[in-house]
PDB file of N, CA and C in Angstrom:
ATOM      1  N   MET A   1     -11.684   0.987  -0.717  1.00  0.00           N
ATOM      2  CA  MET A   1     -11.066   0.182  -0.019  1.00  0.00           C
ATOM      3  C   MET A   1     -11.002   0.448   1.233  1.00  0.00           C
ATOM      4  N   THR A   2     -10.833  -0.498   2.090  1.00  0.00           N
ATOM      5  CA  THR A   2     -10.587   0.077   3.367  1.00  0.00           C
ATOM      6  C   THR A   2      -9.028  -0.628   3.844  1.00  0.00           C
ATOM      7  N   GLU A   3      -8.013   0.298   4.534  1.00  0.00           N
ATOM      8  CA  GLU A   3      -7.093   0.200   4.641  1.00  0.00           C
ATOM      9  C   GLU A   3      -6.602  -0.167   6.122  1.00  0.00           C
ATOM     10  N   PHE A   4      -6.286  -1.369   6.582  1.00  0.00           N
ATOM     11  CA  PHE A   4      -5.794  -1.864   7.917  1.00  0.00           C
ATOM     12  C   PHE A   4      -4.477  -1.699   7.878  1.00  0.00           C
ATOM     13  N   ARG A   5      -4.254  -0.772   9.174  1.00  0.00           N
ATOM     14  CA  ARG A   5      -2.817  -0.315   9.435  1.00  0.00           C
ATOM     15  C   ARG A   5      -2.684  -0.574  11.252  1.00  0.00           C
ATOM     16  N   THR A   6      -1.590  -0.999  11.544  1.00  0.00           N
ATOM     17  CA  THR A   6      -0.810  -0.625  12.934  1.00  0.00           C
ATOM     18  C   THR A   6      -0.588   0.854  12.947  1.00  0.00           C
ATOM     19  N   PRO A   7      -1.131   1.436  13.489  1.00  0.00           N
ATOM     20  CA  PRO A   7      -0.646   2.734  13.912  1.00  0.00           C
ATOM     21  C   PRO A   7       0.725   2.505  15.001  1.00  0.00           C
ATOM     22  N   PRO A   8       2.192   3.397  14.459  1.00  0.00           N
ATOM     23  CA  PRO A   8       2.880   3.258  15.094  1.00  0.00           C
ATOM     24  C   PRO A   8       3.229   3.788  16.420  1.00  0.00           C
ATOM     25  N   VAL A   9       3.788   3.306  17.342  1.00  0.00           N
ATOM     26  CA  VAL A   9       4.080   3.530  18.731  1.00  0.00           C
ATOM     27  C   VAL A   9       5.759   3.487  18.948  1.00  0.00           C
ATOM     28  N   LEU A  10       5.799   4.469  19.452  1.00  0.00           N
ATOM     29  CA  LEU A  10       7.441   4.808  19.965  1.00  0.00           C
ATOM     30  C   LEU A  10       7.372   5.158  21.524  1.00  0.00           C
ATOM     31  N   GLU A  11       7.987   4.260  22.264  1.00  0.00           N
ATOM     32  CA  GLU A  11       8.556   4.780  23.726  1.00  0.00           C
ATOM     33  C   GLU A  11      10.002   4.775  23.796  1.00  0.00           C
ATOM     34  N   THR A  12      10.476   5.707  24.762  1.00  0.00           N
ATOM     35  CA  THR A  12      11.595   5.481  25.239  1.00  0.00           C
ATOM     36  C   THR A  12      11.899   5.491  26.733  1.00  0.00           C
ATOM     37  N   THR A  13      12.880   4.488  26.894  1.00  0.00           N
ATOM     38  CA  THR A  13      12.861   4.641  28.571  1.00  0.00           C
ATOM     39  C   THR A  13      15.018   4.370  28.853  1.00  0.00           C
ATOM     40  N   VAL A  14      14.901   4.675  29.861  1.00  0.00           N
ATOM     41  CA  VAL A  14      16.378   5.049  30.254  1.00  0.00           C
ATOM     42  C   VAL A  14      16.391   4.267  31.498  1.00  0.00           C
ATOM     43  N   ASP A  15      17.257   3.031  31.468  1.00  0.00           N
ATOM     44  CA  ASP A  15      17.495   2.214  32.670  1.00  0.00           C
ATOM     45  C   ASP A  15      19.360   1.519  32.569  1.00  0.00           C
ATOM     46  N   ALA A  16      19.476   2.364  33.988  1.00  0.00           N
ATOM     47  CA  ALA A  16      21.000   1.819  34.055  1.00  0.00           C
ATOM     48  C   ALA A  16      22.091   2.815  32.949  1.00  0.00           C
ATOM     49  N   GLY A  17      21.372   3.828  32.454  1.00  0.00           N
ATOM     50  CA  GLY A  17      22.181   4.819  31.806  1.00  0.00           C
ATOM     51  C   GLY A  17      22.139   4.245  30.116  1.00  0.00           C
ATOM     52  N   ILE A  18      21.387   3.165  29.812  1.00  0.00           N
ATOM     53  CA  ILE A  18      21.033   2.915  28.437  1.00  0.00           C
ATOM     54  C   ILE A  18      19.415   3.055  28.042  1.00  0.00           C
ATOM     55  N   THR A  19      19.780   3.823  26.969  1.00  0.00           N
ATOM     56  CA  THR A  19      18.304   4.455  26.224  1.00  0.00           C
ATOM     57  C   THR A  19      17.874   3.297  25.235  1.00  0.00           C
ATOM     58  N   THR A  20      16.457   2.610  25.944  1.00  0.00           N
ATOM     59  CA  THR A  20      15.761   1.836  24.624  1.00  0.00           C
ATOM     60  C   THR A  20      14.718   2.640  24.175  1.00  0.00           C
ATOM     61  N   VAL A  21      14.736   2.465  22.662  1.00  0.00           N
ATOM     62  CA  VAL A  21      13.806   3.111  21.872  1.00  0.00           C
ATOM     63  C   VAL A  21      13.059   1.923  21.524  1.00  0.00           C
ATOM     64  N   SER A  22      11.637   1.919  21.848  1.00  0.00           N
ATOM     65  CA  SER A  22      10.892   0.644  21.852  1.00  0.00           C
ATOM     66  C   SER A  22      10.023   1.027  20.517  1.00  0.00           C
ATOM     67  N   CYS A  23       9.539   0.418  19.749  1.00  0.00           N
ATOM     68  CA  CYS A  23       8.719   0.781  18.510  1.00  0.00           C
ATOM     69  C   CYS A  23       7.832  -0.762  18.451  1.00  0.00           C
ATOM     70  N   ALA A  24       6.741  -0.172  17.889  1.00  0.00           N
ATOM     71  CA  ALA A  24       5.562  -1.430  17.428  1.00  0.00           C
ATOM     72  C   ALA A  24       4.851  -0.861  16.118  1.00  0.00           C
ATOM     73  N   GLY A  25       4.224  -1.275  15.477  1.00  0.00           N
ATOM     74  CA  GLY A  25       3.269  -1.316  14.342  1.00  0.00           C
ATOM     75  C   GLY A  25       3.978  -0.995  13.162  1.00  0.00           C
ATOM     76  N   GLU A  26       3.495  -0.244  12.695  1.00  0.00           N
ATOM     77  CA  GLU A  26       4.019   0.103  11.145  1.00  0.00           C
ATOM     78  C   GLU A  26       5.264   1.414  11.079  1.00  0.00           C
ATOM     79  N   LEU A  27       6.151   1.364  10.757  1.00  0.00           N
ATOM     80  CA  LEU A  27       7.346   2.512  10.742  1.00  0.00           C
ATOM     81  C   LEU A  27       7.270   2.583   9.368  1.00  0.00           C
ATOM     82  N   GLU A  28       7.207   4.036   8.603  1.00  0.00           N
ATOM     83  CA  GLU A  28       7.275   4.412   7.418  1.00  0.00           C
ATOM     84  C   GLU A  28       7.353   5.844   7.535  1.00  0.00           C
ATOM     85  N   LEU A  29       7.921   6.358   6.235  1.00  0.00           N
ATOM     86  CA  LEU A  29       8.239   7.987   5.708  1.00  0.00           C
ATOM     87  C   LEU A  29       7.719   8.867   7.243  1.00  0.00           C
ATOM     88  N   ALA A  30       6.477   8.626   7.600  1.00  0.00           N
ATOM     89  CA  ALA A  30       5.645  10.031   8.459  1.00  0.00           C
ATOM     90  C   ALA A  30       6.648   9.496   9.737  1.00  0.00           C
ATOM     91  N   THR A  31       7.101   8.230   9.902  1.00  0.00           N
ATOM     92  CA  THR A  31       7.230   8.126  11.540  1.00  0.00           C
ATOM     93  C   THR A  31       8.997   8.005  11.641  1.00  0.00           C
ATOM     94  N   SER A  32       9.562   8.441  10.256  1.00  0.00           N
ATOM     95  CA  SER A  32      10.982   8.239  10.428  1.00  0.00           C
ATOM     96  C   SER A  32      11.620   9.657  11.425  1.00  0.00           C
ATOM     97  N   PRO A  33      11.041  10.723  11.019  1.00  0.00           N
ATOM     98  CA  PRO A  33      11.594  11.697  11.983  1.00  0.00           C
ATOM     99  C   PRO A  33      11.464  11.500  13.223  1.00  0.00           C
ATOM    100  N   ARG A  34      10.328  11.080  13.799  1.00  0.00           N
ATOM    101  CA  ARG A  34      10.226  10.696  15.285  1.00  0.00           C
ATOM    102  C   ARG A  34      11.271   9.937  15.570  1.00  0.00           C
ATOM    103  N   LEU A  35      11.283   8.669  14.931  1.00  0.00           N
ATOM    104  CA  LEU A  35      12.281   7.700  15.314  1.00  0.00           C
ATOM    105  C   LEU A  35      14.049   8.399  15.740  1.00  0.00           C
ATOM    106  N   ARG A  36      14.144   9.163  14.279  1.00  0.00           N
ATOM    107  CA  ARG A  36      15.483   9.745  14.033  1.00  0.00           C
ATOM    108  C   ARG A  36      15.879  10.489  15.664  1.00  0.00           C
ATOM    109  N   ASP A  37      14.838  11.206  15.847  1.00  0.00           N
ATOM    110  CA  ASP A  37      14.906  12.201  16.983  1.00  0.00           C
ATOM    111  C   ASP A  37      14.958  11.225  18.124  1.00  0.00           C
ATOM    112  N   ALA A  38      14.154  10.205  18.424  1.00  0.00           N
ATOM    113  CA  ALA A  38      14.288   9.371  19.488  1.00  0.00           C
ATOM    114  C   ALA A  38      15.720   8.606  19.572  1.00  0.00           C
ATOM    115  N   LEU A  39      15.967   8.084  18.368  1.00  0.00           N
ATOM    116  CA  LEU A  39      17.394   7.472  18.558  1.00  0.00           C
ATOM    117  C   LEU A  39      18.728   8.667  18.719  1.00  0.00           C
ATOM    118  N   LEU A  40      18.467   9.638  17.936  1.00  0.00           N
ATOM    119  CA  LEU A  40      19.701  10.611  17.936  1.00  0.00           C
ATOM    120  C   LEU A  40      19.858  11.579  19.213  1.00  0.00           C
ATOM    121  N   THR A  41      19.213  12.000  19.566  1.00  0.00           N
ATOM    122  CA  THR A  41      18.953  12.976  20.902  1.00  0.00           C
ATOM    123  C   THR A  41      19.739  12.420  22.195  1.00  0.00           C
ATOM    124  N   PRO A  42      19.398  11.058  22.392  1.00  0.00           N
ATOM    125  CA  PRO A  42      20.341  10.339  23.448  1.00  0.00           C
ATOM    126  C   PRO A  42      21.815  10.720  23.509  1.00  0.00           C
ATOM    127  N   LEU A  43      22.158  10.493  22.051  1.00  0.00           N
ATOM    128  CA  LEU A  43      23.860  10.524  21.711  1.00  0.00           C
ATOM    129  C   LEU A  43      24.135  11.587  22.264  1.00  0.00           C
ATOM    130  N   GLY A  44      23.523  12.643  21.798  1.00  0.00           N
ATOM    131  CA  GLY A  44      23.849  13.946  22.331  1.00  0.00           C
ATOM    132  C   GLY A  44      23.883  14.522  23.624  1.00  0.00           C
ATOM    133  N   ASP A  45      22.768  13.666  24.112  1.00  0.00           N
ATOM    134  CA  ASP A  45      22.812  13.753  25.662  1.00  0.00           C
ATOM    135  C   ASP A  45      23.741  13.053  26.585  1.00  0.00           C
ATOM    136  N   GLY A  46      24.574  12.178  25.886  1.00  0.00           N
ATOM    137  CA  GLY A  46      25.390  11.559  26.849  1.00  0.00           C
ATOM    138  C   GLY A  46      25.225  10.429  27.094  1.00  0.00           C
ATOM    139  N   THR A  47      24.394   9.348  26.463  1.00  0.00           N
ATOM    140  CA  THR A  47      23.799   8.088  27.126  1.00  0.00           C
ATOM    141  C   THR A  47      25.049   7.117  26.901  1.00  0.00           C
ATOM    142  N   ASN A  48      24.958   6.055  27.788  1.00  0.00           N
ATOM    143  CA  ASN A  48      25.848   5.162  27.475  1.00  0.00           C
ATOM    144  C   ASN A  48      25.640   3.888  26.778  1.00  0.00           C
ATOM    145  N   GLY A  49      24.583   4.066  26.085  1.00  0.00           N
ATOM    146  CA  GLY A  49      24.252   2.953  25.162  1.00  0.00           C
ATOM    147  C   GLY A  49      22.883   3.092  24.584  1.00  0.00           C
ATOM    148  N   ILE A  50      22.779   2.991  23.261  1.00  0.00           N
ATOM    149  CA  ILE A  50      21.220   2.945  22.830  1.00  0.00           C
ATOM    150  C   ILE A  50      20.899   1.292  22.046  1.00  0.00           C
ATOM    151  N   VAL A  51      19.714   0.800  22.533  1.00  0.00           N
ATOM    152  CA  VAL A  51      18.961  -0.133  22.019  1.00  0.00           C
ATOM    153  C   VAL A  51      17.436   0.201  21.204  1.00  0.00           C
ATOM    154  N   ALA A  52      17.726  -0.076  19.940  1.00  0.00           N
ATOM    155  CA  ALA A  52      16.540   0.219  18.999  1.00  0.00           C
ATOM    156  C   ALA A  52      16.077  -1.210  18.946  1.00  0.00           C
ATOM    157  N   ASP A  53      14.682  -1.270  20.046  1.00  0.00           N
ATOM    158  CA  ASP A  53      13.815  -2.497  20.035  1.00  0.00           C
ATOM    159  C   ASP A  53      12.675  -2.145  19.050  1.00  0.00           C
ATOM    160  N   LEU A  54      12.837  -3.200  17.962  1.00  0.00           N
ATOM    161  CA  LEU A  54      12.135  -2.923  16.669  1.00  0.00           C
ATOM    162  C   LEU A  54      11.477  -4.352  16.854  1.00  0.00           C
ATOM    163  N   ALA A  55      11.355  -5.163  17.579  1.00  0.00           N
ATOM    164  CA  ALA A  55      10.997  -6.787  17.396  1.00  0.00           C
ATOM    165  C   ALA A  55       9.350  -6.640  17.248  1.00  0.00           C
ATOM    166  N   ALA A  56       9.057  -5.767  17.701  1.00  0.00           N
ATOM    167  CA  ALA A  56       7.205  -5.700  17.622  1.00  0.00           C
ATOM    168  C   ALA A  56       6.857  -4.710  16.289  1.00  0.00           C
ATOM    169  N   VAL A  57       7.577  -4.633  15.706  1.00  0.00           N
ATOM    170  CA  VAL A  57       7.184  -3.867  14.486  1.00  0.00           C
ATOM    171  C   VAL A  57       7.226  -4.551  13.273  1.00  0.00           C
ATOM    172  N   THR A  58       5.845  -4.320  12.628  1.00  0.00           N
ATOM    173  CA  THR A  58       5.023  -5.064  11.731  1.00  0.00           C
ATOM    174  C   THR A  58       5.574  -4.995  10.203  1.00  0.00           C
ATOM    175  N   PHE A  59       5.678  -3.348  10.147  1.00  0.00           N
ATOM    176  CA  PHE A  59       6.311  -3.390   8.610  1.00  0.00           C
ATOM    177  C   PHE A  59       7.190  -2.136   8.878  1.00  0.00           C
ATOM    178  N   CYS A  60       8.183  -2.120   7.969  1.00  0.00           N
ATOM    179  CA  CYS A  60       9.260  -0.981   8.084  1.00  0.00           C
ATOM    180  C   CYS A  60       9.582  -0.502   6.640  1.00  0.00           C
ATOM    181  N   ASP A  61       9.689   0.204   6.245  1.00  0.00           N
ATOM    182  CA  ASP A  61      10.358   1.119   4.968  1.00  0.00           C
ATOM    183  C   ASP A  61      11.496   1.753   5.229  1.00  0.00           C
ATOM    184  N   SER A  62      12.218   1.974   3.770  1.00  0.00           N
ATOM    185  CA  SER A  62      13.531   2.120   3.778  1.00  0.00           C
ATOM    186  C   SER A  62      14.067   3.403   4.323  1.00  0.00           C
ATOM    187  N   THR A  63      12.760   4.290   4.522  1.00  0.00           N
ATOM    188  CA  THR A  63      13.257   5.422   5.361  1.00  0.00           C
ATOM    189  C   THR A  63      13.766   5.258   6.396  1.00  0.00           C
ATOM    190  N   ILE A  64      12.996   3.961   7.371  1.00  0.00           N
ATOM    191  CA  ILE A  64      13.695   3.533   8.658  1.00  0.00           C
ATOM    192  C   ILE A  64      14.834   3.016   8.552  1.00  0.00           C
ATOM    193  N   PHE A  65      15.459   2.229   7.716  1.00  0.00           N
ATOM    194  CA  PHE A  65      16.494   1.675   7.421  1.00  0.00           C
ATOM    195  C   PHE A  65      17.432   2.717   7.567  1.00  0.00           C
ATOM    196  N   SER A  66      17.471   4.008   6.550  1.00  0.00           N
ATOM    197  CA  SER A  66      18.482   4.975   6.455  1.00  0.00           C
ATOM    198  C   SER A  66      18.425   5.899   7.739  1.00  0.00           C
ATOM    199  N   VAL A  67      17.708   5.728   8.583  1.00  0.00           N
ATOM    200  CA  VAL A  67      17.743   6.353  10.025  1.00  0.00           C
ATOM    201  C   VAL A  67      18.437   5.264  11.158  1.00  0.00           C
ATOM    202  N   LEU A  68      18.154   4.191  11.005  1.00  0.00           N
ATOM    203  CA  LEU A  68      18.833   3.033  11.600  1.00  0.00           C
ATOM    204  C   LEU A  68      20.730   3.097  11.207  1.00  0.00           C
ATOM    205  N   VAL A  69      20.890   3.250   9.680  1.00  0.00           N
ATOM    206  CA  VAL A  69      22.173   3.594   9.581  1.00  0.00           C
ATOM    207  C   VAL A  69      22.884   4.624   9.814  1.00  0.00           C
ATOM    208  N   GLU A  70      22.048   5.662  10.022  1.00  0.00           N
ATOM    209  CA  GLU A  70      22.445   6.953  10.106  1.00  0.00           C
ATOM    210  C   GLU A  70      22.952   7.191  12.014  1.00  0.00           C
ATOM    211  N   THR A  71      22.138   6.533  12.672  1.00  0.00           N
ATOM    212  CA  THR A  71      22.108   6.213  14.215  1.00  0.00           C
ATOM    213  C   THR A  71      23.689   5.743  14.369  1.00  0.00           C
ATOM    214  N   TYR A  72      23.855   4.140  13.591  1.00  0.00           N
ATOM    215  CA  TYR A  72      24.579   3.309  13.920  1.00  0.00           C
ATOM    216  C   TYR A  72      25.947   4.310  13.446  1.00  0.00           C
ATOM    217  N   ARG A  73      26.174   5.078  12.656  1.00  0.00           N
ATOM    218  CA  ARG A  73      27.169   5.583  12.417  1.00  0.00           C
ATOM    219  C   ARG A  73      27.410   7.161  13.297  1.00  0.00           C
ATOM    220  N   GLU A  74      26.373   7.535  13.596  1.00  0.00           N
ATOM    221  CA  GLU A  74      26.652   8.644  14.577  1.00  0.00           C
ATOM    222  C   GLU A  74      27.270   8.225  16.150  1.00  0.00           C
ATOM    223  N   ALA A  75      26.824   6.732  16.326  1.00  0.00           N
ATOM    224  CA  ALA A  75      27.130   6.020  17.779  1.00  0.00           C
ATOM    225  C   ALA A  75      28.410   5.671  17.190  1.00  0.00           C
ATOM    226  N   GLN A  76      28.956   4.974  16.412  1.00  0.00           N
ATOM    227  CA  GLN A  76      30.256   5.022  16.264  1.00  0.00           C
ATOM    228  C   GLN A  76      31.104   5.822  16.113  1.00  0.00           C
ATOM    229  N   ALA A  77      30.416   6.937  15.686  1.00  0.00           N
ATOM    230  CA  ALA A  77      31.368   8.295  16.092  1.00  0.00           C
ATOM    231  C   ALA A  77      31.539   8.732  17.182  1.00  0.00           C
ATOM    232  N   ARG A  78      30.597   8.720  18.279  1.00  0.00           N
ATOM    233  CA  ARG A  78      30.921   9.034  19.629  1.00  0.00           C
ATOM    234  C   ARG A  78      31.084   7.938  20.397  1.00  0.00           C
ATOM    235  N   ASN A  79      31.779   6.980  19.929  1.00  0.00           N
ATOM    236  CA  ASN A  79      32.025   5.719  20.404  1.00  0.00           C
ATOM    237  C   ASN A  79      30.927   5.062  21.600  1.00  0.00           C
ATOM    238  N   VAL A  80      29.729   4.973  21.154  1.00  0.00           N
ATOM    239  CA  VAL A  80      28.523   4.704  21.881  1.00  0.00           C
ATOM    240  C   VAL A  80      27.769   3.354  21.384  1.00  0.00           C
ATOM    241  N   PRO A  81      28.089   2.090  22.720  1.00  0.00           N
ATOM    242  CA  PRO A  81      27.282   0.975  21.958  1.00  0.00           C
ATOM    243  C   PRO A  81      25.982   1.330  21.550  1.00  0.00           C
ATOM    244  N   TYR A  82      25.678   0.549  20.350  1.00  0.00           N
ATOM    245  CA  TYR A  82      24.648   0.727  20.004  1.00  0.00           C
ATOM    246  C   TYR A  82      23.919  -0.709  19.368  1.00  0.00           C
ATOM    247  N   ALA A  83      22.671  -1.008  19.636  1.00  0.00           N
ATOM    248  CA  ALA A  83      21.985  -2.399  18.916  1.00  0.00           C
ATOM    249  C   ALA A  83      20.719  -2.181  18.567  1.00  0.00           C
ATOM    250  N   ILE A  84      20.577  -3.156  17.707  1.00  0.00           N
ATOM    251  CA  ILE A  84      18.906  -3.458  16.907  1.00  0.00           C
ATOM    252  C   ILE A  84      18.695  -4.541  17.434  1.00  0.00           C
ATOM    253  N   ALA A  85      17.439  -4.892  18.137  1.00  0.00           N
ATOM    254  CA  ALA A  85      16.692  -6.064  18.581  1.00  0.00           C
ATOM    255  C   ALA A  85      15.624  -5.828  17.296  1.00  0.00           C
ATOM    256  N   ALA A  86      15.950  -6.787  16.323  1.00  0.00           N
ATOM    257  CA  ALA A  86      14.890  -6.781  15.076  1.00  0.00           C
ATOM    258  C   ALA A  86      14.191  -8.115  15.031  1.00  0.00           C
ATOM    259  N   GLY A  87      12.608  -7.945  14.756  1.00  0.00           N
ATOM    260  CA  GLY A  87      11.764  -8.987  14.410  1.00  0.00           C
ATOM    261  C   GLY A  87      12.019  -9.077  13.161  1.00  0.00           C
ATOM    262  N   PRO A  88      11.273 -10.249  12.521  1.00  0.00           N
ATOM    263  CA  PRO A  88      11.292 -10.425  10.969  1.00  0.00           C
ATOM    264  C   PRO A  88      10.987  -9.416  10.174  1.00  0.00           C
ATOM    265  N   ALA A  89       9.886  -8.551  10.438  1.00  0.00           N
ATOM    266  CA  ALA A  89       9.801  -7.734   9.749  1.00  0.00           C
ATOM    267  C   ALA A  89      10.664  -6.513   9.548  1.00  0.00           C
ATOM    268  N   VAL A  90      11.624  -6.515  10.020  1.00  0.00           N
ATOM    269  CA  VAL A  90      12.772  -5.699  10.224  1.00  0.00           C
ATOM    270  C   VAL A  90      13.979  -6.334   9.564  1.00  0.00           C
ATOM    271  N   ALA A  91      14.459  -7.518  10.309  1.00  0.00           N
ATOM    272  CA  ALA A  91      15.422  -8.563   9.891  1.00  0.00           C
ATOM    273  C   ALA A  91      15.196  -8.603   8.593  1.00  0.00           C
ATOM    274  N   ARG A  92      14.425  -9.203   7.823  1.00  0.00           N
ATOM    275  CA  ARG A  92      14.704 -10.010   6.378  1.00  0.00           C
ATOM    276  C   ARG A  92      14.887  -8.911   5.563  1.00  0.00           C
ATOM    277  N   PRO A  93      13.996  -7.335   5.386  1.00  0.00           N
ATOM    278  CA  PRO A  93      14.475  -6.825   4.374  1.00  0.00           C
ATOM    279  C   PRO A  93      16.083  -6.528   4.941  1.00  0.00           C
ATOM    280  N   LEU A  94      16.377  -6.348   5.914  1.00  0.00           N
ATOM    281  CA  LEU A  94      17.769  -5.700   6.023  1.00  0.00           C
ATOM    282  C   LEU A  94      18.736  -6.902   5.678  1.00  0.00           C
ATOM    283  N   ALA A  95      18.443  -7.857   5.760  1.00  0.00           N
ATOM    284  CA  ALA A  95      19.134  -9.071   5.035  1.00  0.00           C
ATOM    285  C   ALA A  95      19.076  -8.890   3.945  1.00  0.00           C
ATOM    286  N   ILE A  96      18.145  -8.464   3.014  1.00  0.00           N
ATOM    287  CA  ILE A  96      18.036  -8.685   1.493  1.00  0.00           C
ATOM    288  C   ILE A  96      18.885  -7.549   1.032  1.00  0.00           C
ATOM    289  N   LEU A  97      18.881  -6.514   1.611  1.00  0.00           N
ATOM    290  CA  LEU A  97      19.636  -5.520   1.293  1.00  0.00           C
ATOM    291  C   LEU A  97      21.243  -5.478   1.771  1.00  0.00           C
ATOM    292  N   GLY A  98      21.490  -6.525   2.580  1.00  0.00           N
ATOM    293  CA  GLY A  98      23.022  -6.622   2.964  1.00  0.00           C
ATOM    294  C   GLY A  98      23.180  -5.681   4.208  1.00  0.00           C
ATOM    295  N   LEU A  99      22.281  -5.174   4.740  1.00  0.00           N
ATOM    296  CA  LEU A  99      22.644  -4.123   5.766  1.00  0.00           C
ATOM    297  C   LEU A  99      22.762  -4.874   7.190  1.00  0.00           C
ATOM    298  N   ASP A 100      22.007  -6.517   7.192  1.00  0.00           N
ATOM    299  CA  ASP A 100      22.492  -7.150   8.398  1.00  0.00           C
ATOM    300  C   ASP A 100      24.099  -7.307   8.661  1.00  0.00           C
ATOM    301  N   ARG A 101      24.985  -7.298   7.698  1.00  0.00           N
ATOM    302  CA  ARG A 101      26.067  -6.745   7.793  1.00  0.00           C
ATOM    303  C   ARG A 101      26.974  -5.988   8.449  1.00  0.00           C
ATOM    304  N   LEU A 102      26.292  -4.933   8.101  1.00  0.00           N
ATOM    305  CA  LEU A 102      26.650  -3.597   8.477  1.00  0.00           C
ATOM    306  C   LEU A 102      26.298  -3.021  10.192  1.00  0.00           C
ATOM    307  N   LEU A 103      24.900  -3.476  10.418  1.00  0.00           N
ATOM    308  CA  LEU A 103      24.021  -2.861  11.423  1.00  0.00           C
ATOM    309  C   LEU A 103      24.338  -4.018  12.722  1.00  0.00           C
ATOM    310  N   PRO A 104      24.177  -3.852  13.777  1.00  0.00           N
ATOM    311  CA  PRO A 104      24.697  -4.565  15.025  1.00  0.00           C
ATOM    312  C   PRO A 104      22.981  -5.258  15.573  1.00  0.00           C
ATOM    313  N   LEU A 105      22.410  -5.812  14.387  1.00  0.00           N
ATOM    314  CA  LEU A 105      21.254  -6.606  14.810  1.00  0.00           C
ATOM    315  C   LEU A 105      21.309  -8.168  15.709  1.00  0.00           C
ATOM    316  N   HIS A 106      20.099  -8.112  16.676  1.00  0.00           N
ATOM    317  CA  HIS A 106      20.061  -9.219  17.338  1.00  0.00           C
ATOM    318  C   HIS A 106      18.481  -9.568  17.372  1.00  0.00           C
ATOM    319  N   PRO A 107      18.168 -10.990  17.410  1.00  0.00           N
ATOM    320  CA  PRO A 107      17.174 -11.509  17.707  1.00  0.00           C
ATOM    321  C   PRO A 107      16.033 -10.760  18.452  1.00  0.00           C
ATOM    322  N   GLY A 108      16.475 -10.327  19.821  1.00  0.00           N
ATOM    323  CA  GLY A 108      15.513 -10.164  20.581  1.00  0.00           C
ATOM    324  C   GLY A 108      16.104  -8.546  21.533  1.00  0.00           C
ATOM    325  N   VAL A 109      15.610  -8.435  22.386  1.00  0.00           N
ATOM    326  CA  VAL A 109      16.044  -6.663  23.204  1.00  0.00           C
ATOM    327  C   VAL A 109      16.799  -7.481  24.031  1.00  0.00           C
ATOM    328  N   ALA A 110      16.751  -8.319  24.688  1.00  0.00           N
ATOM    329  CA  ALA A 110      17.604  -9.256  25.959  1.00  0.00           C
ATOM    330  C   ALA A 110      19.102  -9.214  25.122  1.00  0.00           C
ATOM    331  N   GLU A 111      19.244  -9.478  24.128  1.00  0.00           N
ATOM    332  CA  GLU A 111      20.277  -9.893  23.473  1.00  0.00           C
ATOM    333  C   GLU A 111      20.985  -8.195  22.680  1.00  0.00           C
ATOM    334  N   ALA A 112      20.413  -7.652  22.577  1.00  0.00           N
ATOM    335  CA  ALA A 112      20.615  -6.243  21.841  1.00  0.00           C
ATOM    336  C   ALA A 112      21.215  -5.583  23.215  1.00  0.00           C
ATOM    337  N   ARG A 113      20.244  -5.283  24.419  1.00  0.00           N
ATOM    338  CA  ARG A 113      20.669  -4.769  25.793  1.00  0.00           C
ATOM    339  C   ARG A 113      22.175  -5.522  26.208  1.00  0.00           C
ATOM    340  N   ALA A 114      22.243  -6.663  26.195  1.00  0.00           N
ATOM    341  CA  ALA A 114      23.630  -7.283  26.536  1.00  0.00           C
ATOM    342  C   ALA A 114      24.613  -6.903  25.835  1.00  0.00           C
ATOM    343  N   ALA A 115      24.393  -6.577  24.585  1.00  0.00           N
ATOM    344  CA  ALA A 115      25.337  -6.360  23.340  1.00  0.00           C
ATOM    345  C   ALA A 115      26.106  -4.844  23.766  1.00  0.00           C
ATOM    346  N   VAL A 116      25.034  -3.938  24.295  1.00  0.00           N
ATOM    347  CA  VAL A 116      25.547  -2.799  24.785  1.00  0.00           C
ATOM    348  C   VAL A 116      26.110  -2.599  26.221  1.00  0.00           C
ATOM    349  N   THR A 117      25.856  -3.627  26.700  1.00  0.00           N
ATOM    350  CA  THR A 117      26.353  -3.489  28.282  1.00  0.00           C
ATOM    351  C   THR A 117      27.439  -4.265  28.700  1.00  0.00           C
ATOM    352  N   GLU A 118      27.623  -5.277  28.065  1.00  0.00           N
ATOM    353  CA  GLU A 118      28.614  -6.089  28.133  1.00  0.00           C
ATOM    354  C   GLU A 118      30.022  -5.512  27.763  1.00  0.00           C
ATOM    355  N   PRO A 119      30.980  -5.343  28.655  1.00  0.00           N
ATOM    356  CA  PRO A 119      32.193  -4.576  27.838  1.00  0.00           C
ATOM    357  C   PRO A 119      32.981  -5.505  26.923  1.00  0.00           C
ATOM    358  N   PRO A 120      33.397  -4.861  25.769  1.00  0.00           N
ATOM    359  CA  PRO A 120      33.968  -5.552  24.638  1.00  0.00           C
ATOM    360  C   PRO A 120      35.298  -6.225  25.242  1.00  0.00           C
ATOM    361  N   SER A 121      35.025  -7.377  24.768  1.00  0.00           N
ATOM    362  CA  SER A 121      35.965  -8.545  24.987  1.00  0.00           C
ATOM    363  C   SER A 121      37.250  -7.851  24.494  1.00  0.00           C
ATOM    364  N   ALA A 122      38.305  -8.568  25.579  1.00  0.00           N
ATOM    365  CA  ALA A 122      39.638  -8.282  25.002  1.00  0.00           C
ATOM    366  C   ALA A 122      40.447  -8.789  23.687  1.00  0.00           C
ATOM    367  N   PRO A 123      41.224  -8.591  23.251  1.00  0.00           N
ATOM    368  CA  PRO A 123      41.741  -9.345  21.980  1.00  0.00           C
ATOM    369  C   PRO A 123      42.520 -10.038  22.517  1.00  0.00           C
ATOM    370  N   ARG A 124      42.561 -11.620  21.946  1.00  0.00           N
ATOM    371  CA  ARG A 124      43.327 -12.737  22.364  1.00  0.00           C
ATOM    372  C   ARG A 124      44.709 -12.867  21.732  1.00  0.00           C
ATOM    373  N   LEU A 125      45.601 -12.901  22.409  1.00  0.00           N
ATOM    374  CA  LEU A 125      46.926 -12.980  22.328  1.00  0.00           C
ATOM    375  C   LEU A 125      47.021 -14.435  22.157  1.00  0.00           C
ATOM    376  N   VAL A 126      47.876 -14.422  20.868  1.00  0.00           N
ATOM    377  CA  VAL A 126      48.376 -15.481  20.061  1.00  0.00           C
ATOM    378  C   VAL A 126      49.907 -15.777  20.397  1.00  0.00           C
ATOM    379  N   SER A 127      50.168 -17.028  21.299  1.00  0.00           N
ATOM    380  CA  SER A 127      51.682 -17.080  21.244  1.00  0.00           C
ATOM    381  C   SER A 127      52.378 -18.055  20.484  1.00  0.00           C
TER     382      SER A 127
END
């Protein structure tokens, strides 16, 4: 049997203090340590925000979901904005698991980047 797989691609860029980790292809157990390092290292280095661009991911297993949750929790603990651009191969399983209610998911990288660069809105005062 011939197995057709899309090899994973991970690329990290920094623009205006925001770190974007762009991923494409199939992400699974063998890829999770690389993704974990790519997302968590900038938090320790003082980045102003993290965007996980998973819009071009074609397959994602549960180990990747664990990395996304770990990164979310670490970003919150360090008060660093974090957003995920999730294509269908990522967004659908996260929704099935209910993690879409926890993780900051966005339909594209532009929306995810905007979420980490825009200042939080001020609380509205009701008189």
